[in-house]
Structures are given as structure tokens and as C-alpha cells.
Amino acid sequence: MKFFRSRKEIIGFDDRWLILFGIPLVSLLVNTLLFGHLLKERAYDIFGGCFPISVYFTSIYWIVFRELYYYMVRKYPVNKDFRKRQAITIGLVFVGYYVIDFLGGLFL
């Protein structure tokens, strides 16, 4: 699959292991931060039901923003373009977040 190819030539290491362990870990952390009070109330079924939704959104954000980052590094590879690359990337992340949140919510 295209999204899970190694990007070692761009970032210097194979980040596929980071995807494999990072998405579930970040999902669990976000789920705990947002719904940790449910654990105190012993509402494990609700907490557990929120976890797949957290994995869903974390996976989409991770993959889309990962590809965006690699695209921007390939488009503006040198250090003299660093500020331009960062400014464009930050703007695209803000827009991308709201688009993904809206479309992801529609699919749920």
C-alpha cells in the first residue's frame, strides 16, 4: 500500500514501526484524556466504545498529515525554503484538520 511505504530517503529512518505503535498509543492517550472520567465511574463499556472512534480519527490524521509532510519536504527540500515550507504546512494542517474532522464525522 502506498501510504505504508518507507520514507527513509526523506526522513532518514523507516517510520513504519512508528505508525504501527504510534497510532494505538496516541489513540489510547487521547481517549483517556477526553474520557478518562468514565474510568472513575466504571463505565468501561462506554470508554471502550470510544476507543475505536479515537483510532479511526488518529489513523486518518496521522496518514494524511504524514503524506502532507513528505510532500512539503520534497517540494521545498533546502533549508532556505524552511520558513516557507513551515508556513504553508501550518496553514494546510489547520485547514486539513477541519476538513478531516467534518468528513470523518459524516462517515460516522
PDB file of N, CA and C in Angstrom:
ATOM      1  N   MET A   1       0.840  -1.176   0.000  1.00  0.00           N
ATOM      2  CA  MET A   1       0.000   0.000   0.000  1.00  0.00           C
ATOM      3  C   MET A   1       0.892   1.247   0.000  1.00  0.00           C
ATOM      4  N   LYS A   2       0.523   2.236  -0.752  1.00  0.00           N
ATOM      5  CA  LYS A   2       1.323   3.435  -0.943  1.00  0.00           C
ATOM      6  C   LYS A   2       1.600   4.171   0.369  1.00  0.00           C
ATOM      7  N   PHE A   3       0.605   4.237   1.254  1.00  0.00           N
ATOM      8  CA  PHE A   3       0.748   5.012   2.477  1.00  0.00           C
ATOM      9  C   PHE A   3       1.755   4.414   3.452  1.00  0.00           C
ATOM     10  N   PHE A   4       2.012   3.129   3.340  1.00  0.00           N
ATOM     11  CA  PHE A   4       2.865   2.467   4.314  1.00  0.00           C
ATOM     12  C   PHE A   4       4.249   2.148   3.773  1.00  0.00           C
ATOM     13  N   ARG A   5       4.626   2.789   2.665  1.00  0.00           N
ATOM     14  CA  ARG A   5       5.986   2.638   2.154  1.00  0.00           C
ATOM     15  C   ARG A   5       6.945   3.363   3.088  1.00  0.00           C
ATOM     16  N   SER A   6       8.153   2.878   3.154  1.00  0.00           N
ATOM     17  CA  SER A   6       9.169   3.532   3.965  1.00  0.00           C
ATOM     18  C   SER A   6       9.526   4.875   3.341  1.00  0.00           C
ATOM     19  N   ARG A   7       9.732   5.861   4.161  1.00  0.00           N
ATOM     20  CA  ARG A   7      10.161   7.184   3.697  1.00  0.00           C
ATOM     21  C   ARG A   7      11.570   7.474   4.213  1.00  0.00           C
ATOM     22  N   LYS A   8      12.381   6.423   4.277  1.00  0.00           N
ATOM     23  CA  LYS A   8      13.727   6.535   4.811  1.00  0.00           C
ATOM     24  C   LYS A   8      14.558   7.554   4.045  1.00  0.00           C
ATOM     25  N   GLU A   9      14.332   7.648   2.748  1.00  0.00           N
ATOM     26  CA  GLU A   9      15.109   8.578   1.934  1.00  0.00           C
ATOM     27  C   GLU A   9      14.787  10.031   2.255  1.00  0.00           C
ATOM     28  N   ILE A  10      13.641  10.292   2.870  1.00  0.00           N
ATOM     29  CA  ILE A  10      13.252  11.665   3.192  1.00  0.00           C
ATOM     30  C   ILE A  10      13.609  12.025   4.629  1.00  0.00           C
ATOM     31  N   ILE A  11      13.285  11.143   5.570  1.00  0.00           N
ATOM     32  CA  ILE A  11      13.488  11.484   6.984  1.00  0.00           C
ATOM     33  C   ILE A  11      14.664  10.775   7.630  1.00  0.00           C
ATOM     34  N   GLY A  12      15.264   9.812   6.946  1.00  0.00           N
ATOM     35  CA  GLY A  12      16.451   9.162   7.463  1.00  0.00           C
ATOM     36  C   GLY A  12      16.216   7.888   8.246  1.00  0.00           C
ATOM     37  N   PHE A  13      14.971   7.523   8.474  1.00  0.00           N
ATOM     38  CA  PHE A  13      14.682   6.266   9.157  1.00  0.00           C
ATOM     39  C   PHE A  13      13.350   5.719   8.656  1.00  0.00           C
ATOM     40  N   ASP A  14      13.147   4.446   8.877  1.00  0.00           N
ATOM     41  CA  ASP A  14      11.907   3.786   8.470  1.00  0.00           C
ATOM     42  C   ASP A  14      10.853   4.044   9.542  1.00  0.00           C
ATOM     43  N   ASP A  15       9.830   4.791   9.202  1.00  0.00           N
ATOM     44  CA  ASP A  15       8.828   5.200  10.198  1.00  0.00           C
ATOM     45  C   ASP A  15       7.617   4.278  10.263  1.00  0.00           C
ATOM     46  N   ARG A  16       7.669   3.145   9.615  1.00  0.00           N
ATOM     47  CA  ARG A  16       6.510   2.243   9.646  1.00  0.00           C
ATOM     48  C   ARG A  16       6.257   1.680  11.037  1.00  0.00           C
ATOM     49  N   TRP A  17       7.320   1.449  11.823  1.00  0.00           N
ATOM     50  CA  TRP A  17       7.133   0.977  13.196  1.00  0.00           C
ATOM     51  C   TRP A  17       6.498   2.071  14.048  1.00  0.00           C
ATOM     52  N   LEU A  18       6.820   3.305  13.749  1.00  0.00           N
ATOM     53  CA  LEU A  18       6.221   4.417  14.459  1.00  0.00           C
ATOM     54  C   LEU A  18       4.714   4.467  14.205  1.00  0.00           C
ATOM     55  N   ILE A  19       4.310   4.174  12.979  1.00  0.00           N
ATOM     56  CA  ILE A  19       2.886   4.116  12.645  1.00  0.00           C
ATOM     57  C   ILE A  19       2.220   2.969  13.396  1.00  0.00           C
ATOM     58  N   LEU A  20       2.838   1.816  13.364  1.00  0.00           N
ATOM     59  CA  LEU A  20       2.267   0.617  13.962  1.00  0.00           C
ATOM     60  C   LEU A  20       2.017   0.779  15.460  1.00  0.00           C
ATOM     61  N   PHE A  21       2.958   1.378  16.161  1.00  0.00           N
ATOM     62  CA  PHE A  21       2.804   1.550  17.607  1.00  0.00           C
ATOM     63  C   PHE A  21       2.267   2.921  17.989  1.00  0.00           C
ATOM     64  N   GLY A  22       2.525   3.927  17.159  1.00  0.00           N
ATOM     65  CA  GLY A  22       2.127   5.292  17.477  1.00  0.00           C
ATOM     66  C   GLY A  22       0.633   5.524  17.425  1.00  0.00           C
ATOM     67  N   ILE A  23      -0.028   4.994  16.411  1.00  0.00           N
ATOM     68  CA  ILE A  23      -1.468   5.230  16.271  1.00  0.00           C
ATOM     69  C   ILE A  23      -2.250   4.651  17.455  1.00  0.00           C
ATOM     70  N   PRO A  24      -2.042   3.381  17.841  1.00  0.00           N
ATOM     71  CA  PRO A  24      -2.780   2.892  19.017  1.00  0.00           C
ATOM     72  C   PRO A  24      -2.424   3.631  20.305  1.00  0.00           C
ATOM     73  N   LEU A  25      -1.144   3.983  20.467  1.00  0.00           N
ATOM     74  CA  LEU A  25      -0.733   4.676  21.683  1.00  0.00           C
ATOM     75  C   LEU A  25      -1.355   6.069  21.767  1.00  0.00           C
ATOM     76  N   VAL A  26      -1.280   6.828  20.689  1.00  0.00           N
ATOM     77  CA  VAL A  26      -1.871   8.170  20.675  1.00  0.00           C
ATOM     78  C   VAL A  26      -3.392   8.074  20.848  1.00  0.00           C
ATOM     79  N   SER A  27      -4.006   7.087  20.223  1.00  0.00           N
ATOM     80  CA  SER A  27      -5.450   6.900  20.359  1.00  0.00           C
ATOM     81  C   SER A  27      -5.832   6.632  21.805  1.00  0.00           C
ATOM     82  N   LEU A  28      -5.065   5.788  22.463  1.00  0.00           N
ATOM     83  CA  LEU A  28      -5.343   5.489  23.869  1.00  0.00           C
ATOM     84  C   LEU A  28      -5.147   6.718  24.745  1.00  0.00           C
ATOM     85  N   LEU A  29      -4.098   7.476  24.479  1.00  0.00           N
ATOM     86  CA  LEU A  29      -3.860   8.698  25.258  1.00  0.00           C
ATOM     87  C   LEU A  29      -4.968   9.720  25.057  1.00  0.00           C
ATOM     88  N   VAL A  30      -5.365   9.935  23.817  1.00  0.00           N
ATOM     89  CA  VAL A  30      -6.447  10.887  23.541  1.00  0.00           C
ATOM     90  C   VAL A  30      -7.754  10.418  24.166  1.00  0.00           C
ATOM     91  N   ASN A  31      -8.034   9.138  24.034  1.00  0.00           N
ATOM     92  CA  ASN A  31      -9.255   8.572  24.611  1.00  0.00           C
ATOM     93  C   ASN A  31      -9.252   8.744  26.130  1.00  0.00           C
ATOM     94  N   THR A  32      -8.112   8.522  26.755  1.00  0.00           N
ATOM     95  CA  THR A  32      -8.013   8.666  28.201  1.00  0.00           C
ATOM     96  C   THR A  32      -8.134  10.124  28.622  1.00  0.00           C
ATOM     97  N   LEU A  33      -7.520  11.034  27.871  1.00  0.00           N
ATOM     98  CA  LEU A  33      -7.637  12.454  28.201  1.00  0.00           C
ATOM     99  C   LEU A  33      -9.069  12.954  28.071  1.00  0.00           C
ATOM    100  N   LEU A  34      -9.753  12.521  27.025  1.00  0.00           N
ATOM    101  CA  LEU A  34     -11.117  13.005  26.797  1.00  0.00           C
ATOM    102  C   LEU A  34     -12.166  12.281  27.641  1.00  0.00           C
ATOM    103  N   PHE A  35     -11.967  10.990  27.851  1.00  0.00           N
ATOM    104  CA  PHE A  35     -12.997  10.189  28.500  1.00  0.00           C
ATOM    105  C   PHE A  35     -12.493   9.444  29.728  1.00  0.00           C
ATOM    106  N   GLY A  36     -11.399   9.915  30.312  1.00  0.00           N
ATOM    107  CA  GLY A  36     -10.834   9.271  31.488  1.00  0.00           C
ATOM    108  C   GLY A  36     -11.764   9.259  32.675  1.00  0.00           C
ATOM    109  N   HIS A  37     -12.642  10.261  32.740  1.00  0.00           N
ATOM    110  CA  HIS A  37     -13.602  10.301  33.852  1.00  0.00           C
ATOM    111  C   HIS A  37     -14.530   9.087  33.832  1.00  0.00           C
ATOM    112  N   LEU A  38     -14.720   8.492  32.665  1.00  0.00           N
ATOM    113  CA  LEU A  38     -15.570   7.302  32.578  1.00  0.00           C
ATOM    114  C   LEU A  38     -14.936   6.107  33.293  1.00  0.00           C
ATOM    115  N   LEU A  39     -13.615   6.101  33.364  1.00  0.00           N
ATOM    116  CA  LEU A  39     -12.944   5.022  34.087  1.00  0.00           C
ATOM    117  C   LEU A  39     -13.204   5.135  35.587  1.00  0.00           C
ATOM    118  N   LYS A  40     -13.235   6.370  36.104  1.00  0.00           N
ATOM    119  CA  LYS A  40     -13.543   6.581  37.521  1.00  0.00           C
ATOM    120  C   LYS A  40     -14.970   6.157  37.841  1.00  0.00           C
ATOM    121  N   GLU A  41     -15.856   6.351  36.869  1.00  0.00           N
ATOM    122  CA  GLU A  41     -17.266   5.990  37.054  1.00  0.00           C
ATOM    123  C   GLU A  41     -17.524   4.531  36.699  1.00  0.00           C
ATOM    124  N   ARG A  42     -16.472   3.820  36.353  1.00  0.00           N
ATOM    125  CA  ARG A  42     -16.537   2.400  35.983  1.00  0.00           C
ATOM    126  C   ARG A  42     -17.449   2.145  34.779  1.00  0.00           C
ATOM    127  N   ALA A  43     -17.470   3.089  33.857  1.00  0.00           N
ATOM    128  CA  ALA A  43     -18.241   2.949  32.622  1.00  0.00           C
ATOM    129  C   ALA A  43     -17.297   2.448  31.530  1.00  0.00           C
ATOM    130  N   TYR A  44     -16.789   1.248  31.729  1.00  0.00           N
ATOM    131  CA  TYR A  44     -15.786   0.688  30.821  1.00  0.00           C
ATOM    132  C   TYR A  44     -16.344   0.443  29.425  1.00  0.00           C
ATOM    133  N   ASP A  45     -17.619   0.117  29.325  1.00  0.00           N
ATOM    134  CA  ASP A  45     -18.206  -0.153  28.013  1.00  0.00           C
ATOM    135  C   ASP A  45     -18.240   1.108  27.156  1.00  0.00           C
ATOM    136  N   ILE A  46     -18.550   2.239  27.771  1.00  0.00           N
ATOM    137  CA  ILE A  46     -18.577   3.497  27.019  1.00  0.00           C
ATOM    138  C   ILE A  46     -17.152   3.901  26.643  1.00  0.00           C
ATOM    139  N   PHE A  47     -16.224   3.789  27.606  1.00  0.00           N
ATOM    140  CA  PHE A  47     -14.820   4.113  27.338  1.00  0.00           C
ATOM    141  C   PHE A  47     -14.288   3.231  26.208  1.00  0.00           C
ATOM    142  N   GLY A  48     -14.584   1.949  26.264  1.00  0.00           N
ATOM    143  CA  GLY A  48     -14.151   1.025  25.220  1.00  0.00           C
ATOM    144  C   GLY A  48     -14.802   1.301  23.884  1.00  0.00           C
ATOM    145  N   GLY A  49     -16.030   1.799  23.899  1.00  0.00           N
ATOM    146  CA  GLY A  49     -16.717   2.136  22.654  1.00  0.00           C
ATOM    147  C   GLY A  49     -16.152   3.378  21.996  1.00  0.00           C
ATOM    148  N   CYS A  50     -15.560   4.255  22.791  1.00  0.00           N
ATOM    149  CA  CYS A  50     -14.955   5.473  22.247  1.00  0.00           C
ATOM    150  C   CYS A  50     -13.583   5.204  21.635  1.00  0.00           C
ATOM    151  N   PHE A  51     -12.927   4.133  22.074  1.00  0.00           N
ATOM    152  CA  PHE A  51     -11.578   3.846  21.591  1.00  0.00           C
ATOM    153  C   PHE A  51     -11.514   3.604  20.084  1.00  0.00           C
ATOM    154  N   PRO A  52     -12.411   2.809  19.489  1.00  0.00           N
ATOM    155  CA  PRO A  52     -12.336   2.637  18.024  1.00  0.00           C
ATOM    156  C   PRO A  52     -12.513   3.947  17.256  1.00  0.00           C
ATOM    157  N   ILE A  53     -13.330   4.833  17.769  1.00  0.00           N
ATOM    158  CA  ILE A  53     -13.513   6.137  17.115  1.00  0.00           C
ATOM    159  C   ILE A  53     -12.220   6.939  17.209  1.00  0.00           C
ATOM    160  N   SER A  54     -11.560   6.853  18.341  1.00  0.00           N
ATOM    161  CA  SER A  54     -10.277   7.527  18.508  1.00  0.00           C
ATOM    162  C   SER A  54      -9.231   6.962  17.550  1.00  0.00           C
ATOM    163  N   VAL A  55      -9.203   5.654  17.382  1.00  0.00           N
ATOM    164  CA  VAL A  55      -8.276   5.021  16.436  1.00  0.00           C
ATOM    165  C   VAL A  55      -8.599   5.469  15.009  1.00  0.00           C
ATOM    166  N   TYR A  56      -9.868   5.540  14.685  1.00  0.00           N
ATOM    167  CA  TYR A  56     -10.329   5.963  13.357  1.00  0.00           C
ATOM    168  C   TYR A  56      -9.787   7.358  13.021  1.00  0.00           C
ATOM    169  N   PHE A  57     -10.044   8.330  13.903  1.00  0.00           N
ATOM    170  CA  PHE A  57      -9.605   9.690  13.629  1.00  0.00           C
ATOM    171  C   PHE A  57      -8.081   9.823  13.693  1.00  0.00           C
ATOM    172  N   THR A  58      -7.435   9.177  14.658  1.00  0.00           N
ATOM    173  CA  THR A  58      -5.987   9.255  14.765  1.00  0.00           C
ATOM    174  C   THR A  58      -5.322   8.688  13.519  1.00  0.00           C
ATOM    175  N   SER A  59      -5.836   7.585  13.002  1.00  0.00           N
ATOM    176  CA  SER A  59      -5.271   6.977  11.789  1.00  0.00           C
ATOM    177  C   SER A  59      -5.391   7.914  10.596  1.00  0.00           C
ATOM    178  N   ILE A  60      -6.544   8.511  10.440  1.00  0.00           N
ATOM    179  CA  ILE A  60      -6.742   9.426   9.310  1.00  0.00           C
ATOM    180  C   ILE A  60      -5.823  10.629   9.424  1.00  0.00           C
ATOM    181  N   TYR A  61      -5.798  11.272  10.614  1.00  0.00           N
ATOM    182  CA  TYR A  61      -4.917  12.427  10.800  1.00  0.00           C
ATOM    183  C   TYR A  61      -3.464  12.047  10.561  1.00  0.00           C
ATOM    184  N   TRP A  62      -3.053  10.935  11.135  1.00  0.00           N
ATOM    185  CA  TRP A  62      -1.654  10.513  11.046  1.00  0.00           C
ATOM    186  C   TRP A  62      -1.250  10.312   9.590  1.00  0.00           C
ATOM    187  N   ILE A  63      -2.038   9.576   8.841  1.00  0.00           N
ATOM    188  CA  ILE A  63      -1.677   9.250   7.459  1.00  0.00           C
ATOM    189  C   ILE A  63      -1.728  10.487   6.565  1.00  0.00           C
ATOM    190  N   VAL A  64      -2.772  11.290   6.700  1.00  0.00           N
ATOM    191  CA  VAL A  64      -2.898  12.488   5.859  1.00  0.00           C
ATOM    192  C   VAL A  64      -1.778  13.481   6.157  1.00  0.00           C
ATOM    193  N   PHE A  65      -1.527  13.748   7.432  1.00  0.00           N
ATOM    194  CA  PHE A  65      -0.500  14.731   7.770  1.00  0.00           C
ATOM    195  C   PHE A  65       0.911  14.195   7.522  1.00  0.00           C
ATOM    196  N   ARG A  66       1.095  12.893   7.599  1.00  0.00           N
ATOM    197  CA  ARG A  66       2.380  12.277   7.257  1.00  0.00           C
ATOM    198  C   ARG A  66       2.665  12.493   5.774  1.00  0.00           C
ATOM    199  N   GLU A  67       1.685  12.213   4.936  1.00  0.00           N
ATOM    200  CA  GLU A  67       1.862  12.406   3.500  1.00  0.00           C
ATOM    201  C   GLU A  67       2.040  13.883   3.154  1.00  0.00           C
ATOM    202  N   LEU A  68       1.324  14.753   3.849  1.00  0.00           N
ATOM    203  CA  LEU A  68       1.482  16.193   3.639  1.00  0.00           C
ATOM    204  C   LEU A  68       2.907  16.622   3.972  1.00  0.00           C
ATOM    205  N   TYR A  69       3.430  16.146   5.073  1.00  0.00           N
ATOM    206  CA  TYR A  69       4.797  16.479   5.469  1.00  0.00           C
ATOM    207  C   TYR A  69       5.808  16.023   4.408  1.00  0.00           C
ATOM    208  N   TYR A  70       5.670  14.791   3.944  1.00  0.00           N
ATOM    209  CA  TYR A  70       6.602  14.282   2.946  1.00  0.00           C
ATOM    210  C   TYR A  70       6.489  15.051   1.634  1.00  0.00           C
ATOM    211  N   TYR A  71       5.290  15.416   1.267  1.00  0.00           N
ATOM    212  CA  TYR A  71       5.094  16.207   0.053  1.00  0.00           C
ATOM    213  C   TYR A  71       5.802  17.555   0.171  1.00  0.00           C
ATOM    214  N   MET A  72       5.627  18.201   1.322  1.00  0.00           N
ATOM    215  CA  MET A  72       6.224  19.523   1.506  1.00  0.00           C
ATOM    216  C   MET A  72       7.753  19.442   1.557  1.00  0.00           C
ATOM    217  N   VAL A  73       8.299  18.391   2.153  1.00  0.00           N
ATOM    218  CA  VAL A  73       9.758  18.234   2.197  1.00  0.00           C
ATOM    219  C   VAL A  73      10.309  18.004   0.789  1.00  0.00           C
ATOM    220  N   ARG A  74       9.582  17.247  -0.024  1.00  0.00           N
ATOM    221  CA  ARG A  74      10.030  17.034  -1.407  1.00  0.00           C
ATOM    222  C   ARG A  74       9.891  18.316  -2.228  1.00  0.00           C
ATOM    223  N   LYS A  75       8.849  19.087  -1.993  1.00  0.00           N
ATOM    224  CA  LYS A  75       8.614  20.313  -2.771  1.00  0.00           C
ATOM    225  C   LYS A  75       9.587  21.433  -2.382  1.00  0.00           C
ATOM    226  N   TYR A  76       9.880  21.567  -1.078  1.00  0.00           N
ATOM    227  CA  TYR A  76      10.792  22.595  -0.573  1.00  0.00           C
ATOM    228  C   TYR A  76      11.902  21.918   0.233  1.00  0.00           C
ATOM    229  N   PRO A  77      12.864  21.287  -0.434  1.00  0.00           N
ATOM    230  CA  PRO A  77      13.837  20.450   0.275  1.00  0.00           C
ATOM    231  C   PRO A  77      14.983  21.180   0.972  1.00  0.00           C
ATOM    232  N   VAL A  78      15.313  22.354   0.567  1.00  0.00           N
ATOM    233  CA  VAL A  78      16.511  23.001   1.103  1.00  0.00           C
ATOM    234  C   VAL A  78      16.175  23.887   2.295  1.00  0.00           C
ATOM    235  N   ASN A  79      17.200  24.189   3.082  1.00  0.00           N
ATOM    236  CA  ASN A  79      16.987  24.971   4.301  1.00  0.00           C
ATOM    237  C   ASN A  79      16.533  26.395   4.031  1.00  0.00           C
ATOM    238  N   LYS A  80      16.862  26.941   2.868  1.00  0.00           N
ATOM    239  CA  LYS A  80      16.447  28.317   2.593  1.00  0.00           C
ATOM    240  C   LYS A  80      14.927  28.415   2.429  1.00  0.00           C
ATOM    241  N   ASP A  81      14.281  27.314   2.121  1.00  0.00           N
ATOM    242  CA  ASP A  81      12.823  27.295   1.989  1.00  0.00           C
ATOM    243  C   ASP A  81      12.126  26.842   3.271  1.00  0.00           C
ATOM    244  N   PHE A  82      12.870  26.727   4.360  1.00  0.00           N
ATOM    245  CA  PHE A  82      12.321  26.182   5.596  1.00  0.00           C
ATOM    246  C   PHE A  82      11.134  26.998   6.103  1.00  0.00           C
ATOM    247  N   ARG A  83      11.259  28.309   6.188  1.00  0.00           N
ATOM    248  CA  ARG A  83      10.162  29.148   6.709  1.00  0.00           C
ATOM    249  C   ARG A  83       8.932  29.081   5.805  1.00  0.00           C
ATOM    250  N   LYS A  84       9.164  29.091   4.516  1.00  0.00           N
ATOM    251  CA  LYS A  84       8.046  28.994   3.570  1.00  0.00           C
ATOM    252  C   LYS A  84       7.352  27.642   3.727  1.00  0.00           C
ATOM    253  N   ARG A  85       8.141  26.563   3.812  1.00  0.00           N
ATOM    254  CA  ARG A  85       7.575  25.231   3.988  1.00  0.00           C
ATOM    255  C   ARG A  85       6.788  25.138   5.293  1.00  0.00           C
ATOM    256  N   GLN A  86       7.322  25.688   6.371  1.00  0.00           N
ATOM    257  CA  GLN A  86       6.635  25.635   7.665  1.00  0.00           C
ATOM    258  C   GLN A  86       5.330  26.442   7.632  1.00  0.00           C
ATOM    259  N   ALA A  87       5.349  27.616   7.047  1.00  0.00           N
ATOM    260  CA  ALA A  87       4.153  28.449   6.987  1.00  0.00           C
ATOM    261  C   ALA A  87       3.047  27.767   6.178  1.00  0.00           C
ATOM    262  N   ILE A  88       3.406  27.215   5.038  1.00  0.00           N
ATOM    263  CA  ILE A  88       2.414  26.525   4.202  1.00  0.00           C
ATOM    264  C   ILE A  88       1.900  25.278   4.917  1.00  0.00           C
ATOM    265  N   THR A  89       2.803  24.535   5.539  1.00  0.00           N
ATOM    266  CA  THR A  89       2.407  23.313   6.245  1.00  0.00           C
ATOM    267  C   THR A  89       1.455  23.620   7.399  1.00  0.00           C
ATOM    268  N   ILE A  90       1.748  24.640   8.182  1.00  0.00           N
ATOM    269  CA  ILE A  90       0.873  25.001   9.301  1.00  0.00           C
ATOM    270  C   ILE A  90      -0.505  25.390   8.793  1.00  0.00           C
ATOM    271  N   GLY A  91      -0.566  26.179   7.735  1.00  0.00           N
ATOM    272  CA  GLY A  91      -1.861  26.549   7.158  1.00  0.00           C
ATOM    273  C   GLY A  91      -2.631  25.333   6.665  1.00  0.00           C
ATOM    274  N   LEU A  92      -1.938  24.424   5.981  1.00  0.00           N
ATOM    275  CA  LEU A  92      -2.604  23.218   5.478  1.00  0.00           C
ATOM    276  C   LEU A  92      -3.051  22.289   6.606  1.00  0.00           C
ATOM    277  N   VAL A  93      -2.295  22.249   7.692  1.00  0.00           N
ATOM    278  CA  VAL A  93      -2.696  21.421   8.837  1.00  0.00           C
ATOM    279  C   VAL A  93      -3.982  21.960   9.457  1.00  0.00           C
ATOM    280  N   PHE A  94      -4.073  23.270   9.623  1.00  0.00           N
ATOM    281  CA  PHE A  94      -5.302  23.852  10.170  1.00  0.00           C
ATOM    282  C   PHE A  94      -6.506  23.564   9.279  1.00  0.00           C
ATOM    283  N   VAL A  95      -6.354  23.793   7.995  1.00  0.00           N
ATOM    284  CA  VAL A  95      -7.443  23.522   7.059  1.00  0.00           C
ATOM    285  C   VAL A  95      -7.747  22.026   7.015  1.00  0.00           C
ATOM    286  N   GLY A  96      -6.695  21.224   6.929  1.00  0.00           N
ATOM    287  CA  GLY A  96      -6.869  19.770   6.866  1.00  0.00           C
ATOM    288  C   GLY A  96      -7.557  19.206   8.088  1.00  0.00           C
ATOM    289  N   TYR A  97      -7.231  19.741   9.260  1.00  0.00           N
ATOM    290  CA  TYR A  97      -7.869  19.263  10.488  1.00  0.00           C
ATOM    291  C   TYR A  97      -9.389  19.437  10.411  1.00  0.00           C
ATOM    292  N   TYR A  98      -9.837  20.613  10.022  1.00  0.00           N
ATOM    293  CA  TYR A  98     -11.274  20.868   9.978  1.00  0.00           C
ATOM    294  C   TYR A  98     -11.963  20.075   8.876  1.00  0.00           C
ATOM    295  N   VAL A  99     -11.311  19.905   7.753  1.00  0.00           N
ATOM    296  CA  VAL A  99     -11.891  19.109   6.668  1.00  0.00           C
ATOM    297  C   VAL A  99     -12.003  17.651   7.090  1.00  0.00           C
ATOM    298  N   ILE A 100     -10.933  17.098   7.673  1.00  0.00           N
ATOM    299  CA  ILE A 100     -10.958  15.699   8.118  1.00  0.00           C
ATOM    300  C   ILE A 100     -11.984  15.514   9.229  1.00  0.00           C
ATOM    301  N   ASP A 101     -12.035  16.451  10.162  1.00  0.00           N
ATOM    302  CA  ASP A 101     -12.999  16.354  11.258  1.00  0.00           C
ATOM    303  C   ASP A 101     -14.433  16.367  10.731  1.00  0.00           C
ATOM    304  N   PHE A 102     -14.702  17.236   9.779  1.00  0.00           N
ATOM    305  CA  PHE A 102     -16.059  17.319   9.212  1.00  0.00           C
ATOM    306  C   PHE A 102     -16.395  16.061   8.427  1.00  0.00           C
ATOM    307  N   LEU A 103     -15.517  15.664   7.508  1.00  0.00           N
ATOM    308  CA  LEU A 103     -15.802  14.484   6.683  1.00  0.00           C
ATOM    309  C   LEU A 103     -15.799  13.201   7.512  1.00  0.00           C
ATOM    310  N   GLY A 104     -14.872  13.098   8.467  1.00  0.00           N
ATOM    311  CA  GLY A 104     -14.837  11.924   9.340  1.00  0.00           C
ATOM    312  C   GLY A 104     -16.106  11.804  10.170  1.00  0.00           C
ATOM    313  N   GLY A 105     -16.615  12.948  10.635  1.00  0.00           N
ATOM    314  CA  GLY A 105     -17.871  12.951  11.382  1.00  0.00           C
ATOM    315  C   GLY A 105     -19.050  12.533  10.526  1.00  0.00           C
ATOM    316  N   LEU A 106     -19.033  12.906   9.248  1.00  0.00           N
ATOM    317  CA  LEU A 106     -20.114  12.489   8.349  1.00  0.00           C
ATOM    318  C   LEU A 106     -20.142  10.991   8.166  1.00  0.00           C
ATOM    319  N   PHE A 107     -18.954  10.376   8.066  1.00  0.00           N
ATOM    320  CA  PHE A 107     -18.889   8.932   7.863  1.00  0.00           C
ATOM    321  C   PHE A 107     -19.284   8.146   9.103  1.00  0.00           C
ATOM    322  N   LEU A 108     -19.141   8.748  10.268  1.00  0.00           N
ATOM    323  CA  LEU A 108     -19.542   8.057  11.490  1.00  0.00           C
ATOM    324  C   LEU A 108     -21.043   8.154  11.639  1.00  0.00           C
TER     325      LEU A 108
END
